Amino acid sequence: MKTELTQGPVSVGNSVIPLVFLAASALLNIALDIWFVAGLDRGVAGAAEATVISQYVSGIGIALYTKF
């Protein structure tokens, strides 16, 4: 879903906004990975959960951006 939503701004020449959301998603994923794996001792499942959460947050953010 996020990939499709980022194509709208890119198609009109705005490639910076999708890059910002990608960077924010990566930083959130790193922070959640550390918290879930080291802090909560969730292991590989924690890393997977962190990835899903960060992608979901980024997808919601780009959806709100493209809607408004």
Protein backbone atom coordinates (compact mmCIF):
# COMPACT_ATOMS: atom_id res chain seq x y z
CA MET A 1 0.00 0.00 0.00
CA LYS A 2 2.74 2.46 0.93
CA THR A 3 4.52 1.95 -2.37
CA GLU A 4 1.41 2.82 -4.34
CA LEU A 5 0.76 5.92 -2.23
CA THR A 6 4.27 7.25 -2.71
CA GLN A 7 3.94 7.13 -6.49
CA GLY A 8 1.44 10.01 -6.48
CA PRO A 9 3.86 12.67 -5.21
CA VAL A 10 6.68 11.23 -7.33
CA SER A 11 4.56 11.36 -10.49
CA VAL A 12 4.03 15.10 -10.06
CA GLY A 13 7.73 15.73 -9.43
CA ASN A 14 7.87 15.67 -5.64
CA SER A 15 10.36 12.95 -4.76
CA VAL A 16 11.45 14.51 -1.47
CA ILE A 17 8.30 13.70 0.53
CA PRO A 18 8.40 9.93 -0.17
CA LEU A 19 12.10 9.99 0.75
CA VAL A 20 11.28 11.70 4.06
CA PHE A 21 8.66 9.07 4.87
CA LEU A 22 11.11 6.30 3.92
CA ALA A 23 13.81 7.77 6.18
CA ALA A 24 11.34 8.20 9.06
CA SER A 25 10.21 4.60 8.62
CA ALA A 26 13.81 3.35 8.68
CA LEU A 27 14.67 5.34 11.81
CA LEU A 28 11.49 4.18 13.56
CA ASN A 29 12.29 0.60 12.58
CA ILE A 30 15.80 0.87 14.04
CA ALA A 31 14.47 2.29 17.31
CA LEU A 32 11.74 -0.32 17.58
CA ASP A 33 14.18 -3.13 16.70
CA ILE A 34 16.43 -2.13 19.58
CA TRP A 35 13.50 -1.82 21.96
CA PHE A 36 11.75 -5.05 20.97
CA VAL A 37 14.84 -7.25 20.58
CA ALA A 38 17.07 -5.96 23.37
CA GLY A 39 14.61 -4.29 25.73
CA LEU A 40 11.66 -6.68 25.56
CA ASP A 41 13.74 -9.76 24.65
CA ARG A 42 11.39 -10.68 21.76
CA GLY A 43 14.12 -11.91 19.38
CA VAL A 44 13.28 -12.42 15.71
CA ALA A 45 9.56 -12.01 16.37
CA GLY A 46 10.27 -8.60 17.89
CA ALA A 47 12.24 -7.55 14.81
CA ALA A 48 9.36 -8.61 12.59
CA GLU A 49 6.84 -6.77 14.74
CA ALA A 50 9.02 -3.65 14.67
CA THR A 51 9.16 -3.77 10.88
CA VAL A 52 5.39 -4.17 10.54
CA ILE A 53 4.72 -1.32 12.95
CA SER A 54 7.17 1.06 11.27
CA GLN A 55 5.79 0.27 7.80
CA TYR A 56 2.23 0.73 9.05
CA VAL A 57 3.04 4.11 10.62
CA SER A 58 4.80 5.25 7.46
CA GLY A 59 1.90 4.08 5.30
CA ILE A 60 -0.59 5.99 7.43
CA GLY A 61 1.61 9.08 7.27
CA ILE A 62 1.91 9.06 3.48
CA ALA A 63 -1.81 8.32 3.17
CA LEU A 64 -2.64 11.36 5.29
CA TYR A 65 -0.16 13.47 3.34
CA THR A 66 -1.60 12.53 -0.04
CA LYS A 67 -5.18 12.99 1.17
CA PHE A 68 -4.64 16.48 2.57
